[in-house]
C-alpha atoms as a PDB file:
ATOM      1  CA  MET A   1      86.865  63.606  95.430  1.00  0.00           C
ATOM      2  CA  ARG A   2      85.241  65.409  92.507  1.00  0.00           C
ATOM      3  CA  ILE A   3      85.160  69.174  93.010  1.00  0.00           C
ATOM      4  CA  ALA A   4      83.504  71.742  90.747  1.00  0.00           C
ATOM      5  CA  ILE A   5      84.377  75.422  91.123  1.00  0.00           C
ATOM      6  CA  ILE A   6      82.161  78.214  89.820  1.00  0.00           C
ATOM      7  CA  GLY A   7      84.024  81.464  89.253  1.00  0.00           C
ATOM      8  CA  ALA A   8      87.560  81.639  87.863  1.00  0.00           C
ATOM      9  CA  GLY A   9      88.647  84.887  89.477  1.00  0.00           C
ATOM     10  CA  HIS A  10      91.614  85.153  91.846  1.00  0.00           C
ATOM     11  CA  MET A  11      90.126  82.988  94.607  1.00  0.00           C
ATOM     12  CA  GLY A  12      88.472  80.443  92.302  1.00  0.00           C
ATOM     13  CA  SER A  13      91.663  79.989  90.282  1.00  0.00           C
ATOM     14  CA  TRP A  14      93.752  79.599  93.440  1.00  0.00           C
ATOM     15  CA  LEU A  15      91.336  77.010  94.822  1.00  0.00           C
ATOM     16  CA  ALA A  16      91.469  75.105  91.512  1.00  0.00           C
ATOM     17  CA  ARG A  17      95.274  75.009  91.605  1.00  0.00           C
ATOM     18  CA  GLU A  18      95.432  73.828  95.206  1.00  0.00           C
ATOM     19  CA  LEU A  19      92.588  71.317  95.100  1.00  0.00           C
ATOM     20  CA  SER A  20      93.642  69.779  91.793  1.00  0.00           C
ATOM     21  CA  LYS A  21      96.727  68.384  93.525  1.00  0.00           C
ATOM     22  CA  GLY A  22      94.659  65.652  95.150  1.00  0.00           C
ATOM     23  CA  HIS A  23      91.208  65.770  93.564  1.00  0.00           C
ATOM     24  CA  ASP A  24      89.396  65.793  90.227  1.00  0.00           C
ATOM     25  CA  VAL A  25      88.579  69.440  89.547  1.00  0.00           C
ATOM     26  CA  ALA A  26      86.331  71.150  87.011  1.00  0.00           C
ATOM     27  CA  VAL A  27      86.091  74.940  86.613  1.00  0.00           C
ATOM     28  CA  TYR A  28      83.204  76.968  85.221  1.00  0.00           C
ATOM     29  CA  ASP A  29      83.054  80.688  84.497  1.00  0.00           C
ATOM     30  CA  LEU A  30      80.728  82.770  82.342  1.00  0.00           C
ATOM     31  CA  ASP A  31      83.919  83.725  80.515  1.00  0.00           C
ATOM     32  CA  LEU A  32      85.072  80.387  79.114  1.00  0.00           C
ATOM     33  CA  ALA A  33      88.574  81.732  78.459  1.00  0.00           C
ATOM     34  CA  LYS A  34      88.990  82.427  82.190  1.00  0.00           C
ATOM     35  CA  ALA A  35      87.874  78.898  83.048  1.00  0.00           C
ATOM     36  CA  GLN A  36      90.327  77.512  80.499  1.00  0.00           C
ATOM     37  CA  ARG A  37      93.200  79.586  81.899  1.00  0.00           C
ATOM     38  CA  ALA A  38      92.375  78.523  85.450  1.00  0.00           C
ATOM     39  CA  ALA A  39      92.269  74.856  84.447  1.00  0.00           C
ATOM     40  CA  ALA A  40      95.502  75.135  82.448  1.00  0.00           C
ATOM     41  CA  ALA A  41      97.320  76.716  85.401  1.00  0.00           C
ATOM     42  CA  CYS A  42      96.594  73.737  87.660  1.00  0.00           C
ATOM     43  CA  LYS A  43      99.573  71.553  88.531  1.00  0.00           C
ATOM     44  CA  ALA A  44      97.405  68.491  87.979  1.00  0.00           C
ATOM     45  CA  ALA A  45      94.735  67.915  85.359  1.00  0.00           C
ATOM     46  CA  ALA A  46      91.593  70.042  85.625  1.00  0.00           C
ATOM     47  CA  SER A  47      88.687  70.426  83.242  1.00  0.00           C
ATOM     48  CA  PRO A  48      87.140  73.707  82.059  1.00  0.00           C
ATOM     49  CA  LEU A  49      83.369  73.577  81.671  1.00  0.00           C
ATOM     50  CA  ALA A  50      81.760  75.491  78.815  1.00  0.00           C
ATOM     51  CA  ARG A  51      78.222  75.182  80.194  1.00  0.00           C
ATOM     52  CA  LEU A  52      76.705  74.671  83.631  1.00  0.00           C
ATOM     53  CA  GLU A  53      74.785  71.708  82.233  1.00  0.00           C
ATOM     54  CA  GLN A  54      78.077  69.812  82.091  1.00  0.00           C
ATOM     55  CA  LEU A  55      77.964  69.589  85.884  1.00  0.00           C
ATOM     56  CA  ALA A  56      75.469  66.750  85.403  1.00  0.00           C
ATOM     57  CA  ASP A  57      78.141  64.680  83.659  1.00  0.00           C
ATOM     58  CA  PHE A  58      80.933  65.678  86.031  1.00  0.00           C
ATOM     59  CA  LYS A  59      78.834  64.735  89.108  1.00  0.00           C
ATOM     60  CA  PRO A  60      80.714  66.775  91.729  1.00  0.00           C
ATOM     61  CA  ASP A  61      80.864  65.753  95.374  1.00  0.00           C
ATOM     62  CA  ILE A  62      81.375  69.420  96.289  1.00  0.00           C
ATOM     63  CA  LEU A  63      80.444  72.567  94.367  1.00  0.00           C
ATOM     64  CA  ILE A  64      82.499  75.575  95.478  1.00  0.00           C
ATOM     65  CA  ASN A  65      80.925  78.915  94.604  1.00  0.00           C
ATOM     66  CA  ALA A  66      83.669  81.540  94.195  1.00  0.00           C
ATOM     67  CA  VAL A  67      81.768  84.234  92.298  1.00  0.00           C
ATOM     68  CA  SER A  68      81.285  87.734  93.717  1.00  0.00           C
ATOM     69  CA  LEU A  69      78.900  88.105  96.638  1.00  0.00           C
ATOM     70  CA  GLN A  70      76.030  89.728  94.765  1.00  0.00           C
ATOM     71  CA  LYS A  71      75.987  86.809  92.300  1.00  0.00           C
ATOM     72  CA  THR A  72      76.506  83.942  94.751  1.00  0.00           C
ATOM     73  CA  VAL A  73      72.894  82.906  95.309  1.00  0.00           C
ATOM     74  CA  ASN A  74      72.039  83.275  91.605  1.00  0.00           C
ATOM     75  CA  ALA A  75      74.993  81.046  90.718  1.00  0.00           C
ATOM     76  CA  PHE A  76      73.842  78.387  93.185  1.00  0.00           C
ATOM     77  CA  GLU A  77      70.314  78.516  91.790  1.00  0.00           C
ATOM     78  CA  ALA A  78      71.578  78.145  88.217  1.00  0.00           C
ATOM     79  CA  ALA A  79      73.823  75.200  89.091  1.00  0.00           C
ATOM     80  CA  ALA A  80      71.469  73.305  91.421  1.00  0.00           C
ATOM     81  CA  PRO A  81      69.355  71.568  88.721  1.00  0.00           C
ATOM     82  CA  HIS A  82      72.514  69.945  87.337  1.00  0.00           C
ATOM     83  CA  LEU A  83      73.910  68.613  90.619  1.00  0.00           C
ATOM     84  CA  PRO A  84      73.584  65.127  92.105  1.00  0.00           C
ATOM     85  CA  SER A  85      71.459  64.999  95.255  1.00  0.00           C
ATOM     86  CA  GLY A  86      74.420  64.251  97.518  1.00  0.00           C
ATOM     87  CA  CYS A  87      76.526  67.196  96.356  1.00  0.00           C
ATOM     88  CA  ILE A  88      77.696  69.559  99.111  1.00  0.00           C
ATOM     89  CA  LEU A  89      77.397  73.266  98.336  1.00  0.00           C
ATOM     90  CA  ALA A  90      80.258  75.490  99.476  1.00  0.00           C
ATOM     91  CA  ASP A  91      80.962  79.214  99.425  1.00  0.00           C
ATOM     92  CA  VAL A  92      83.983  81.343 100.279  1.00  0.00           C
ATOM     93  CA  ALA A  93      82.144  84.663 100.630  1.00  0.00           C
ATOM     94  CA  SER A  94      83.569  87.424 102.801  1.00  0.00           C
ATOM     95  CA  VAL A  95      80.093  88.475 103.988  1.00  0.00           C
ATOM     96  CA  LYS A  96      77.522  85.751 104.647  1.00  0.00           C
ATOM     97  CA  GLY A  97      74.321  87.837 104.818  1.00  0.00           C
ATOM     98  CA  GLY A  98      71.703  86.372 102.455  1.00  0.00           C
ATOM     99  CA  ILE A  99      73.662  83.209 101.713  1.00  0.00           C
ATOM    100  CA  SER A 100      72.542  81.610 104.985  1.00  0.00           C
ATOM    101  CA  GLY A 101      68.919  82.093 103.962  1.00  0.00           C
ATOM    102  CA  TYR A 102      69.508  80.307 100.670  1.00  0.00           C
ATOM    103  CA  TYR A 103      71.150  77.356 102.410  1.00  0.00           C
ATOM    104  CA  GLY A 104      68.142  76.997 104.672  1.00  0.00           C
ATOM    105  CA  LYS A 105      65.819  76.234 101.779  1.00  0.00           C
ATOM    106  CA  CYS A 106      68.055  74.753  99.043  1.00  0.00           C
ATOM    107  CA  GLY A 107      67.775  71.078 100.030  1.00  0.00           C
ATOM    108  CA  PHE A 108      71.535  70.437  99.820  1.00  0.00           C
ATOM    109  CA  ASP A 109      74.069  70.000 102.599  1.00  0.00           C
ATOM    110  CA  PHE A 110      76.432  72.963 102.737  1.00  0.00           C
ATOM    111  CA  VAL A 111      79.708  74.246 104.104  1.00  0.00           C
ATOM    112  CA  SER A 112      80.460  77.947 104.353  1.00  0.00           C
ATOM    113  CA  THR A 113      84.048  79.150 104.698  1.00  0.00           C
ATOM    114  CA  HIS A 114      86.076  82.320 104.432  1.00  0.00           C
ATOM    115  CA  PRO A 115      89.792  82.213 103.587  1.00  0.00           C
ATOM    116  CA  MET A 116      91.004  85.377 105.326  1.00  0.00           C
ATOM    117  CA  PHE A 117      93.499  86.421 102.683  1.00  0.00           C
ATOM    118  CA  GLY A 118      93.507  87.540  99.076  1.00  0.00           C
ATOM    119  CA  PRO A 119      95.532  85.467  96.599  1.00  0.00           C
ATOM    120  CA  THR A 120      96.723  88.688  94.938  1.00  0.00           C
ATOM    121  CA  PHE A 121      98.075  90.099  98.239  1.00  0.00           C
ATOM    122  CA  ALA A 122      99.092  87.132 100.405  1.00  0.00           C
ATOM    123  CA  ASN A 123     102.076  84.863  99.806  1.00  0.00           C
ATOM    124  CA  VAL A 124     100.097  81.789  98.791  1.00  0.00           C
ATOM    125  CA  GLU A 125     103.249  79.683  98.950  1.00  0.00           C
ATOM    126  CA  ALA A 126     103.577  80.341 102.691  1.00  0.00           C
ATOM    127  CA  LEU A 127     100.243  80.760 104.450  1.00  0.00           C
ATOM    128  CA  GLY A 128     101.354  79.855 107.953  1.00  0.00           C
ATOM    129  CA  ASN A 129     100.439  83.300 109.311  1.00  0.00           C
ATOM    130  CA  GLU A 130      97.066  83.478 107.566  1.00  0.00           C
ATOM    131  CA  ASN A 131      93.618  82.547 108.862  1.00  0.00           C
ATOM    132  CA  ALA A 132      90.433  80.901 107.631  1.00  0.00           C
ATOM    133  CA  VAL A 133      86.909  80.675 109.010  1.00  0.00           C
ATOM    134  CA  ILE A 134      84.544  77.706 108.924  1.00  0.00           C
ATOM    135  CA  ILE A 135      80.914  78.482 109.721  1.00  0.00           C
ATOM    136  CA  LYS A 136      79.538  76.409 112.607  1.00  0.00           C
ATOM    137  CA  GLU A 137      76.232  75.638 110.863  1.00  0.00           C
ATOM    138  CA  SER A 138      78.099  73.777 108.086  1.00  0.00           C
ATOM    139  CA  CYS A 139      77.489  70.057 107.566  1.00  0.00           C
ATOM    140  CA  LYS A 140      79.960  67.692 109.219  1.00  0.00           C
ATOM    141  CA  ASP A 141      81.468  66.222 106.035  1.00  0.00           C
ATOM    142  CA  GLY A 142      81.920  69.624 104.404  1.00  0.00           C
ATOM    143  CA  ALA A 143      83.477  71.140 107.503  1.00  0.00           C
ATOM    144  CA  GLU A 144      85.881  68.202 107.860  1.00  0.00           C
ATOM    145  CA  PHE A 145      86.920  68.527 104.209  1.00  0.00           C
ATOM    146  CA  PHE A 146      87.822  72.206 104.558  1.00  0.00           C
ATOM    147  CA  ARG A 147      89.355  71.709 107.986  1.00  0.00           C
ATOM    148  CA  ALA A 148      91.752  69.182 106.431  1.00  0.00           C
ATOM    149  CA  PHE A 149      92.395  71.398 103.385  1.00  0.00           C
ATOM    150  CA  PHE A 150      93.088  74.543 105.402  1.00  0.00           C
ATOM    151  CA  GLY A 151      95.113  72.569 107.944  1.00  0.00           C
ATOM    152  CA  LYS A 152      97.356  71.159 105.226  1.00  0.00           C
ATOM    153  CA  LEU A 153      98.112  74.720 104.099  1.00  0.00           C
ATOM    154  CA  GLY A 154      99.040  75.716 107.650  1.00  0.00           C
ATOM    155  CA  LEU A 155      96.149  78.145 108.067  1.00  0.00           C
ATOM    156  CA  HIS A 156      94.826  79.019 111.522  1.00  0.00           C
ATOM    157  CA  ILE A 157      91.180  77.972 111.613  1.00  0.00           C
ATOM    158  CA  PHE A 158      88.413  79.835 113.446  1.00  0.00           C
ATOM    159  CA  GLU A 159      84.772  78.829 113.763  1.00  0.00           C
ATOM    160  CA  TYR A 160      81.868  81.268 113.933  1.00  0.00           C
ATOM    161  CA  THR A 161      78.138  81.183 113.337  1.00  0.00           C
ATOM    162  CA  PHE A 162      76.856  83.082 110.311  1.00  0.00           C
ATOM    163  CA  GLU A 163      75.851  86.007 112.518  1.00  0.00           C
ATOM    164  CA  GLU A 164      79.134  86.042 114.461  1.00  0.00           C
ATOM    165  CA  HIS A 165      81.137  85.911 111.237  1.00  0.00           C
ATOM    166  CA  ASP A 166      79.684  89.091 109.743  1.00  0.00           C
ATOM    167  CA  ARG A 167      80.005  90.952 113.030  1.00  0.00           C
ATOM    168  CA  VAL A 168      83.649  89.928 113.449  1.00  0.00           C
ATOM    169  CA  MET A 169      84.461  90.708 109.796  1.00  0.00           C
ATOM    170  CA  ALA A 170      83.165  94.258 110.204  1.00  0.00           C
ATOM    171  CA  TYR A 171      85.788  94.700 112.929  1.00  0.00           C
ATOM    172  CA  SER A 172      88.716  92.779 111.439  1.00  0.00           C
ATOM    173  CA  LEU A 173      88.267  93.830 107.784  1.00  0.00           C
ATOM    174  CA  THR A 174      86.207  97.019 107.561  1.00  0.00           C
ATOM    175  CA  THR A 175      88.380  98.860 110.091  1.00  0.00           C
ATOM    176  CA  PRO A 176      91.756  98.333 108.331  1.00  0.00           C
ATOM    177  CA  PHE A 177      90.172  98.616 104.869  1.00  0.00           C
ATOM    178  CA  ALA A 178      88.615 101.979 105.690  1.00  0.00           C
ATOM    179  CA  SER A 179      91.800 103.238 107.372  1.00  0.00           C
ATOM    180  CA  SER A 180      93.895 102.324 104.320  1.00  0.00           C
ATOM    181  CA  MET A 181      91.394 103.895 101.925  1.00  0.00           C
ATOM    182  CA  VAL A 182      91.335 107.157 103.893  1.00  0.00           C
ATOM    183  CA  PHE A 183      95.142 107.150 103.888  1.00  0.00           C
ATOM    184  CA  ALA A 184      95.167 106.654 100.103  1.00  0.00           C
ATOM    185  CA  ALA A 185      92.563 109.407  99.651  1.00  0.00           C
ATOM    186  CA  CYS A 186      94.818 111.857 101.502  1.00  0.00           C
ATOM    187  CA  MET A 187      98.039 111.024  99.672  1.00  0.00           C
ATOM    188  CA  ASP A 188      99.960 113.900  98.118  1.00  0.00           C
ATOM    189  CA  SER A 189     102.249 112.946  95.260  1.00  0.00           C
ATOM    190  CA  GLN A 190     104.603 115.753  96.284  1.00  0.00           C
ATOM    191  CA  ALA A 191     105.185 114.312  99.768  1.00  0.00           C
ATOM    192  CA  VAL A 192     108.625 112.987 100.698  1.00  0.00           C
ATOM    193  CA  PRO A 193     107.760 109.653 102.350  1.00  0.00           C
ATOM    194  CA  GLY A 194     109.360 108.528 105.589  1.00  0.00           C
ATOM    195  CA  THR A 195     109.584 104.888 106.681  1.00  0.00           C
ATOM    196  CA  THR A 196     106.167 104.776 108.342  1.00  0.00           C
ATOM    197  CA  PHE A 197     104.570 106.517 105.369  1.00  0.00           C
ATOM    198  CA  ARG A 198     106.102 104.000 102.943  1.00  0.00           C
ATOM    199  CA  LYS A 199     104.828 101.064 105.001  1.00  0.00           C
ATOM    200  CA  HIS A 200     101.311 102.485 105.037  1.00  0.00           C
ATOM    201  CA  ARG A 201     101.518 103.162 101.299  1.00  0.00           C
ATOM    202  CA  GLU A 202     102.482  99.555 100.565  1.00  0.00           C
ATOM    203  CA  ILE A 203      99.587  98.282 102.670  1.00  0.00           C
ATOM    204  CA  ALA A 204      97.182 100.590 100.817  1.00  0.00           C
ATOM    205  CA  ARG A 205      98.560  99.527  97.438  1.00  0.00           C
ATOM    206  CA  GLY A 206      98.195  95.876  98.346  1.00  0.00           C
ATOM    207  CA  LEU A 207      94.622  96.413  99.488  1.00  0.00           C
ATOM    208  CA  LEU A 208      93.653  98.309  96.341  1.00  0.00           C
ATOM    209  CA  SER A 209      95.140  95.583  94.145  1.00  0.00           C
ATOM    210  CA  GLU A 210      92.209  93.426  95.236  1.00  0.00           C
ATOM    211  CA  ASP A 211      89.069  93.054  93.154  1.00  0.00           C
ATOM    212  CA  ASP A 212      86.655  96.011  93.360  1.00  0.00           C
ATOM    213  CA  TRP A 213      83.713  93.727  94.109  1.00  0.00           C
ATOM    214  CA  LEU A 214      85.585  92.208  97.056  1.00  0.00           C
ATOM    215  CA  LEU A 215      86.380  95.642  98.491  1.00  0.00           C
ATOM    216  CA  ALA A 216      82.768  96.744  98.101  1.00  0.00           C
ATOM    217  CA  GLU A 217      81.472  93.526  99.690  1.00  0.00           C
ATOM    218  CA  ILE A 218      83.558  94.149 102.801  1.00  0.00           C
ATOM    219  CA  LEU A 219      82.420  97.765 103.109  1.00  0.00           C
ATOM    220  CA  PHE A 220      78.767  96.904 102.470  1.00  0.00           C
ATOM    221  CA  ASN A 221      78.670  94.456 105.378  1.00  0.00           C
ATOM    222  CA  PRO A 222      75.595  95.573 107.389  1.00  0.00           C
ATOM    223  CA  ASN A 223      77.841  95.805 110.470  1.00  0.00           C
ATOM    224  CA  SER A 224      80.368  98.131 108.791  1.00  0.00           C
ATOM    225  CA  LEU A 225      78.715 101.456 109.594  1.00  0.00           C
ATOM    226  CA  SER A 226      79.031 100.986 113.345  1.00  0.00           C
ATOM    227  CA  GLN A 227      82.758 100.332 112.916  1.00  0.00           C
ATOM    228  CA  LEU A 228      83.159 103.424 110.735  1.00  0.00           C
ATOM    229  CA  GLU A 229      81.331 105.496 113.341  1.00  0.00           C
ATOM    230  CA  ASN A 230      83.786 104.157 115.928  1.00  0.00           C
ATOM    231  CA  ILE A 231      86.679 105.294 113.717  1.00  0.00           C
ATOM    232  CA  THR A 232      85.262 108.785 113.217  1.00  0.00           C
ATOM    233  CA  ALA A 233      84.636 109.123 116.963  1.00  0.00           C
ATOM    234  CA  ARG A 234      88.296 108.276 117.671  1.00  0.00           C
ATOM    235  CA  LEU A 235      89.425 110.774 115.029  1.00  0.00           C
ATOM    236  CA  GLU A 236      87.320 113.484 116.663  1.00  0.00           C
ATOM    237  CA  PHE A 237      88.950 112.735 120.007  1.00  0.00           C
ATOM    238  CA  LEU A 238      92.413 112.876 118.379  1.00  0.00           C
ATOM    239  CA  LYS A 239      91.511 116.272 116.910  1.00  0.00           C
ATOM    240  CA  HIS A 240      90.472 117.370 120.402  1.00  0.00           C
ATOM    241  CA  VAL A 241      93.850 116.296 121.820  1.00  0.00           C
ATOM    242  CA  ILE A 242      95.748 118.105 119.047  1.00  0.00           C
ATOM    243  CA  LYS A 243      93.749 121.309 119.403  1.00  0.00           C
ATOM    244  CA  GLY A 244      94.241 121.328 123.171  1.00  0.00           C
ATOM    245  CA  ARG A 245      98.014 120.652 122.965  1.00  0.00           C
ATOM    246  CA  ASP A 246      97.669 118.923 126.345  1.00  0.00           C
ATOM    247  CA  TYR A 247     100.713 116.656 126.712  1.00  0.00           C
ATOM    248  CA  ASP A 248      99.290 114.777 129.694  1.00  0.00           C
ATOM    249  CA  GLU A 249      96.115 113.986 127.766  1.00  0.00           C
ATOM    250  CA  ALA A 250      98.192 113.008 124.722  1.00  0.00           C
ATOM    251  CA  LYS A 251     100.359 110.712 126.875  1.00  0.00           C
ATOM    252  CA  GLY A 252      97.262 109.021 128.303  1.00  0.00           C
ATOM    253  CA  PHE A 253      95.893 108.549 124.781  1.00  0.00           C
ATOM    254  CA  PHE A 254      99.154 106.973 123.568  1.00  0.00           C
ATOM    255  CA  GLU A 255      99.234 104.609 126.527  1.00  0.00           C
ATOM    256  CA  LYS A 256      95.675 103.474 125.809  1.00  0.00           C
ATOM    257  CA  LEU A 257      96.651 102.780 122.181  1.00  0.00           C
ATOM    258  CA  ARG A 258      99.675 100.723 123.269  1.00  0.00           C
ATOM    259  CA  LYS A 259      97.494  98.742 125.646  1.00  0.00           C
ATOM    260  CA  ASN A 260      95.017  98.024 122.817  1.00  0.00           C
ATOM    261  CA  LEU A 261      97.844  96.630 120.674  1.00  0.00           C
ATOM    262  CA  ARG A 262      99.110  94.139 123.266  1.00  0.00           C
END
């Protein structure tokens, strides 16, 4: 299969490396040097594209859009005139929002996915504990392609509609992201870290090693505010427990937390 990838950031470069093992891959980025590095890092041959117009010669079966969320639709619109009519459009965006609207009017079949890990944070050589999402509205051929690709990597695959995806991501990503950011904001360089503190610090460092656009995309999910309000409400209750120094109330709170973690 012939696969073109737009965007040679962390995710785009990782996809190029993995997909080049069994497919013809071409990589485009506004920064040609990044596209060249991504292509050179592939274990099998891959071609850097200097101009989007070269997609017409490459004739991809699938175009994977791996640019940042705010540029995704613009990138599709710029590439579309150079694609064969049977090309399947694909995205790996962490928030689906306006992308679904573009798919509805673009005239191409599409597949929308979300690898639930960052290549800079996860162990990409062992992804057996990681997850990926395939959007239910995706075309059959595109969904089957990514189901086989993710399955070969050992990823656990979940399927959601566009609407379900963004709602679930607000819970599964915004909540830990916000918690880690608040932890990092409260760090004191003079503190002597215990074991739990060190573990939290490593999680926060790993999170903040991700691309700024990715972090912002997660937080700007329209469903994020309700999750943040849930967090602040729980913090207010914890403050209430601490101020009251009521051990029975504290014990009940701890038991509820343990039950939530089962």
